[in-house]
Amino acid sequence: MSWKIVADSGCDFKQLTELAPQTSFVRVPLTLQIGNRIFVDDEGLDSSEMMATLYSSSSAASSSCPSPDAFLKAYEGAENIFVVTITGTLSGSYNAARLAKEMLQEKYPQVNIHVIDSLSAGGECDLLVAELNRLIAKGLSFDDIIEAITTYQKQTKLLFVLAKVDNLVKNGRLSKLVGKVVGLLNIRMVGEASQTGTLELLQKARGQKKAVQTSYDEMRKAGYKGGRVSIAHCQNDKICQQLTALIHHDFPEAEVMILPTSGLCSFYAEEGGILLGYEI
């Protein structure tokens, strides 16, 4: 039997190493518009150039989800398909993936396909994709994998740390006053993805060192006990090292995966930010 894992660019993997047998991975990109420029969040994207364009532009920037046809093309060629999308509260990607599922099953009703709204982004999406690959490798049936990944999703969370909020201010998601305070006082915004997929602020920490400790404290408060962690970062290796050191101090065997953010996640996390997924 052939298997396929499909993710939009709310996931940071550009490709998966050590794929399960008879399994392929396809990433469906979102697009980002900054002023008059369009950036496609595929393997050819230069995230540094995109972020430089974002910060040099005074215009509001926006993201566009993939079309149902883009998802439909990604679904081709497998008997069993699992799809992971960025939270439906930030993008129409989940709805497009669902519509493509209906289109596929009208033509090929024998194909098994399951679409997952991650209710999250970045590191938590990465954990879901990696877990799907592990479950397929175990030789489980399609229905058993649905049950297992549904249970697993309830045991994962997303924490974010933002060092810049310029894009959020330009798009009207934060006031200009808050944006100035964050910049002038070296504030880090620490928050999480809620159970309904919205991004919610938990604390404001002054400086990166305080933000790292605050983030780890929030992980422990939420029930972290040494499970897998995925840190997607936007040009901030140092915070990844600092968080990893804290995690390994208490849980030396914890598996910590570090990835650069996708273009879409860079767009939301901004320079210096992270989107950290972890198991509880």
Protein backbone atom coordinates (compact mmCIF):
# COMPACT_ATOMS: atom_id res chain seq x y z
CA MET A 1 0.00 0.00 0.00
CA SER A 2 1.19 3.52 -0.79
CA TRP A 3 1.06 6.36 1.71
CA LYS A 4 1.40 10.11 1.46
CA ILE A 5 1.78 12.85 4.07
CA VAL A 6 0.74 16.28 2.80
CA ALA A 7 1.30 19.51 4.73
CA ASP A 8 0.91 23.17 3.88
CA SER A 9 3.70 25.60 4.72
CA GLY A 10 2.42 26.07 8.24
CA CYS A 11 4.78 23.09 8.64
CA ASP A 12 8.50 23.87 8.59
CA PHE A 13 9.71 20.62 7.01
CA LYS A 14 10.76 21.07 3.40
CA GLN A 15 11.33 17.34 3.20
CA LEU A 16 11.24 14.42 5.59
CA THR A 17 14.29 12.26 6.17
CA GLU A 18 13.85 8.56 6.95
CA LEU A 19 10.39 8.33 5.42
CA ALA A 20 8.33 5.27 6.30
CA PRO A 21 8.31 2.55 3.60
CA GLN A 22 6.18 3.33 0.53
CA THR A 23 5.55 6.83 1.88
CA SER A 24 6.08 10.22 0.26
CA PHE A 25 5.90 13.75 1.67
CA VAL A 26 4.51 16.74 -0.22
CA ARG A 27 4.42 20.33 0.99
CA VAL A 28 1.79 22.68 -0.47
CA PRO A 29 2.96 26.31 -0.26
CA LEU A 30 1.02 29.35 0.79
CA THR A 31 1.88 32.66 -0.84
CA LEU A 32 2.84 35.91 0.88
CA GLN A 33 2.23 39.36 -0.57
CA ILE A 34 4.31 42.29 0.63
CA GLY A 35 3.48 45.49 -1.24
CA ASN A 36 3.63 44.56 -4.92
CA ARG A 37 5.83 41.49 -4.40
CA ILE A 38 4.58 37.91 -4.21
CA PHE A 39 6.61 35.25 -2.39
CA VAL A 40 5.75 31.57 -2.83
CA ASP A 41 6.60 29.59 0.30
CA ASP A 42 8.25 26.67 -1.47
CA GLU A 43 11.79 25.25 -1.40
CA GLY A 44 13.05 28.11 -3.54
CA LEU A 45 11.98 30.85 -1.12
CA ASP A 46 14.75 33.06 0.27
CA SER A 47 13.28 33.77 3.72
CA SER A 48 15.94 36.36 4.53
CA GLU A 49 15.05 38.36 1.41
CA MET A 50 11.36 38.03 2.22
CA MET A 51 11.86 39.33 5.77
CA ALA A 52 14.05 42.21 4.54
CA THR A 53 11.28 43.16 2.11
CA LEU A 54 8.71 42.92 4.92
CA TYR A 55 10.64 45.31 7.17
CA SER A 56 11.44 47.79 4.39
CA SER A 57 7.80 48.05 3.32
CA SER A 58 5.27 50.32 5.01
CA SER A 59 2.39 48.46 3.38
CA ALA A 60 0.35 45.80 5.14
CA ALA A 61 1.37 42.28 4.14
CA SER A 62 -0.90 39.30 3.71
CA SER A 63 -0.87 35.56 3.14
CA SER A 64 -2.97 33.52 0.72
CA CYS A 65 -3.86 29.87 1.19
CA PRO A 66 -3.31 27.22 -1.50
CA SER A 67 -6.18 26.53 -3.87
CA PRO A 68 -8.15 23.26 -3.67
CA ASP A 69 -6.55 22.35 -7.02
CA ALA A 70 -3.07 22.71 -5.48
CA PHE A 71 -4.04 20.28 -2.73
CA LEU A 72 -5.72 17.94 -5.23
CA LYS A 73 -2.51 17.75 -7.24
CA ALA A 74 -0.56 17.01 -4.05
CA TYR A 75 -2.92 14.12 -3.24
CA GLU A 76 -2.23 12.27 -6.49
CA GLY A 77 -0.58 8.88 -6.53
CA ALA A 78 -1.29 7.35 -3.12
CA GLU A 79 -3.88 5.03 -1.64
CA ASN A 80 -3.70 6.46 1.89
CA ILE A 81 -3.28 10.18 2.51
CA PHE A 82 -2.90 12.26 5.66
CA VAL A 83 -3.02 16.05 5.47
CA VAL A 84 -1.91 18.61 8.10
CA THR A 85 -2.77 22.31 7.75
CA ILE A 86 -2.10 25.49 9.68
CA THR A 87 -4.89 26.49 12.09
CA GLY A 88 -8.10 27.40 10.34
CA THR A 89 -8.35 30.59 12.40
CA LEU A 90 -5.37 32.09 10.52
CA SER A 91 -5.91 30.71 7.04
CA GLY A 92 -8.40 29.11 4.66
CA SER A 93 -5.92 26.34 3.99
CA TYR A 94 -7.86 23.73 5.98
CA ASN A 95 -11.06 24.46 4.06
CA ALA A 96 -9.20 24.23 0.75
CA ALA A 97 -7.70 20.89 1.78
CA ARG A 98 -11.14 19.59 2.78
CA LEU A 99 -12.68 20.67 -0.52
CA ALA A 100 -9.85 18.95 -2.40
CA LYS A 101 -10.56 15.79 -0.38
CA GLU A 102 -14.18 15.82 -1.56
CA MET A 103 -13.07 16.36 -5.16
CA LEU A 104 -10.62 13.47 -4.91
CA GLN A 105 -13.10 11.05 -3.40
CA GLU A 106 -15.73 11.86 -6.01
CA LYS A 107 -13.28 10.62 -8.63
CA TYR A 108 -11.49 7.95 -6.57
CA PRO A 109 -13.84 6.80 -3.79
CA GLN A 110 -11.50 3.96 -2.85
CA VAL A 111 -8.75 6.35 -1.70
CA ASN A 112 -8.43 6.89 2.05
CA ILE A 113 -7.79 10.50 3.07
CA HIS A 114 -7.88 12.28 6.43
CA VAL A 115 -7.43 16.06 6.81
CA ILE A 116 -6.21 17.48 10.13
CA ASP A 117 -6.66 21.08 11.22
CA SER A 118 -3.60 21.41 13.44
CA LEU A 119 -5.25 24.31 15.32
CA SER A 120 -1.65 25.49 15.43
CA ALA A 121 1.44 26.29 13.35
CA GLY A 122 5.19 25.80 13.23
CA GLY A 123 6.61 23.39 15.80
CA GLU A 124 3.31 21.71 16.65
CA CYS A 125 2.55 21.06 12.96
CA ASP A 126 6.05 19.61 12.68
CA LEU A 127 5.38 17.21 15.55
CA LEU A 128 2.13 16.03 13.93
CA VAL A 129 3.84 15.37 10.59
CA ALA A 130 6.73 13.51 12.24
CA GLU A 131 4.31 11.41 14.30
CA LEU A 132 2.30 10.46 11.21
CA ASN A 133 5.50 9.20 9.62
CA ARG A 134 6.29 7.14 12.74
CA LEU A 135 2.78 5.67 12.85
CA ILE A 136 2.91 4.66 9.19
CA ALA A 137 6.31 3.05 9.79
CA LYS A 138 4.75 0.91 12.53
CA GLY A 139 2.53 -0.75 9.93
CA LEU A 140 -0.77 0.40 11.46
CA SER A 141 -3.97 0.46 9.45
CA PHE A 142 -5.36 3.75 8.12
CA ASP A 143 -8.17 3.80 10.71
CA ASP A 144 -5.78 2.97 13.55
CA ILE A 145 -3.54 5.86 12.50
CA ILE A 146 -6.50 8.25 12.54
CA GLU A 147 -7.29 7.16 16.09
CA ALA A 148 -3.66 7.40 17.19
CA ILE A 149 -2.97 10.83 15.64
CA THR A 150 -6.23 12.23 17.07
CA THR A 151 -5.14 11.13 20.54
CA TYR A 152 -1.61 12.43 19.94
CA GLN A 153 -2.83 15.88 18.87
CA LYS A 154 -4.56 16.26 22.24
CA GLN A 155 -1.15 15.70 23.87
CA THR A 156 0.72 18.42 21.97
CA LYS A 157 0.84 22.18 22.46
CA LEU A 158 2.35 25.26 20.83
CA LEU A 159 4.25 28.02 22.61
CA PHE A 160 5.41 31.14 20.79
CA VAL A 161 7.90 33.86 21.66
CA LEU A 162 7.88 37.05 19.58
CA ALA A 163 10.76 39.51 19.67
CA LYS A 164 9.24 41.78 16.99
CA VAL A 165 5.62 42.61 16.23
CA ASP A 166 6.00 45.03 13.29
CA ASN A 167 3.92 42.86 10.98
CA LEU A 168 1.16 42.40 13.56
CA VAL A 169 0.99 46.18 14.01
CA LYS A 170 0.90 46.86 10.24
CA ASN A 171 -1.93 44.36 9.86
CA GLY A 172 -3.93 45.88 12.71
CA ARG A 173 -3.62 42.86 15.03
CA LEU A 174 -1.73 44.92 17.64
CA SER A 175 -1.84 48.64 18.42
CA LYS A 176 1.05 50.90 17.40
CA LEU A 177 1.56 51.75 21.07
CA VAL A 178 2.11 48.08 21.98
CA GLY A 179 4.48 47.74 19.04
CA LYS A 180 6.56 50.69 20.24
CA VAL A 181 6.68 49.37 23.81
CA VAL A 182 7.87 45.96 22.60
CA GLY A 183 10.66 47.58 20.59
CA LEU A 184 11.80 50.19 23.11
CA LEU A 185 11.69 48.03 26.23
CA ASN A 186 13.10 44.84 24.67
CA ILE A 187 9.87 43.00 25.48
CA ARG A 188 9.20 39.42 24.33
CA MET A 189 5.61 38.33 23.85
CA VAL A 190 5.14 34.78 25.18
CA GLY A 191 1.93 32.99 24.25
CA GLU A 192 0.30 29.76 23.13
CA ALA A 193 -2.16 28.31 20.66
CA SER A 194 -5.53 27.82 22.34
CA GLN A 195 -7.64 24.68 22.02
CA THR A 196 -9.65 26.44 19.33
CA GLY A 197 -6.58 27.43 17.31
CA THR A 198 -6.27 31.09 18.22
CA LEU A 199 -2.95 32.59 19.35
CA GLU A 200 -3.23 33.94 22.88
CA LEU A 201 -0.77 36.01 24.93
CA LEU A 202 0.33 34.49 28.24
CA GLN A 203 3.07 36.80 29.49
CA LYS A 204 5.37 39.66 28.54
CA ALA A 205 9.02 39.08 29.40
CA ARG A 206 11.77 41.69 29.28
CA GLY A 207 14.81 40.41 27.39
CA GLN A 208 15.56 37.04 25.83
CA LYS A 209 16.98 35.43 28.98
CA LYS A 210 13.76 36.12 30.88
CA ALA A 211 11.68 34.99 27.89
CA VAL A 212 13.51 31.65 27.78
CA GLN A 213 12.86 30.96 31.47
CA THR A 214 9.25 32.15 31.17
CA SER A 215 8.70 29.87 28.17
CA TYR A 216 10.11 26.83 29.93
CA ASP A 217 8.06 27.60 33.04
CA GLU A 218 4.92 27.74 30.87
CA MET A 219 5.82 24.37 29.32
CA ARG A 220 6.20 22.77 32.75
CA LYS A 221 2.98 24.40 33.98
CA ALA A 222 1.15 22.90 30.98
CA GLY A 223 2.41 19.43 31.87
CA TYR A 224 5.69 18.97 29.96
CA LYS A 225 7.55 15.92 31.31
CA GLY A 226 10.35 15.29 28.83
CA GLY A 227 8.44 14.53 25.63
CA ARG A 228 9.51 15.45 22.12
CA VAL A 229 10.01 19.14 21.32
CA SER A 230 10.21 20.93 17.97
CA ILE A 231 11.52 24.50 17.93
CA ALA A 232 10.98 26.44 14.71
CA HIS A 233 12.96 29.67 14.84
CA CYS A 234 13.28 32.78 12.69
CA GLN A 235 16.99 33.65 12.69
CA ASN A 236 17.52 32.97 16.37
CA ASP A 237 19.74 29.94 16.98
CA LYS A 238 20.68 31.25 20.42
CA ILE A 239 17.20 31.00 21.92
CA CYS A 240 16.97 27.42 20.63
CA GLN A 241 20.24 26.55 22.37
CA GLN A 242 19.12 28.24 25.59
CA LEU A 243 15.77 26.44 25.65
CA THR A 244 17.39 23.11 24.78
CA ALA A 245 19.83 23.55 27.68
CA LEU A 246 16.95 24.15 30.11
CA ILE A 247 15.03 21.13 28.82
CA HIS A 248 18.05 18.84 28.94
CA HIS A 249 18.96 20.00 32.45
CA ASP A 250 15.76 18.38 33.74
CA PHE A 251 15.24 15.79 30.98
CA PRO A 252 18.60 14.73 29.50
CA GLU A 253 16.97 12.19 27.15
CA ALA A 254 14.39 14.59 25.71
CA GLU A 255 14.37 14.72 21.91
CA VAL A 256 14.64 18.34 20.73
CA MET A 257 14.35 19.10 17.01
CA ILE A 258 15.38 22.55 15.72
CA LEU A 259 14.24 23.89 12.35
CA PRO A 260 14.29 27.27 10.60
CA THR A 261 10.78 28.62 10.21
CA SER A 262 9.02 28.35 6.88
CA GLY A 263 8.27 31.56 5.04
CA LEU A 264 4.75 31.59 6.46
CA CYS A 265 5.92 30.93 10.03
CA SER A 266 8.64 33.59 9.62
CA PHE A 267 5.85 35.95 8.54
CA TYR A 268 4.01 35.33 11.82
CA ALA A 269 6.93 34.77 14.23
CA GLU A 270 9.07 37.57 12.75
CA GLU A 271 12.80 37.98 13.22
CA GLY A 272 14.02 36.47 16.49
CA GLY A 273 10.74 34.66 17.14
CA ILE A 274 10.02 30.97 17.71
CA LEU A 275 7.04 28.63 17.35
CA LEU A 276 7.73 25.75 19.73
CA GLY A 277 5.73 22.52 19.69
CA TYR A 278 5.95 20.07 22.59
CA GLU A 279 4.35 16.92 23.97
CA ILE A 280 2.64 16.86 27.34
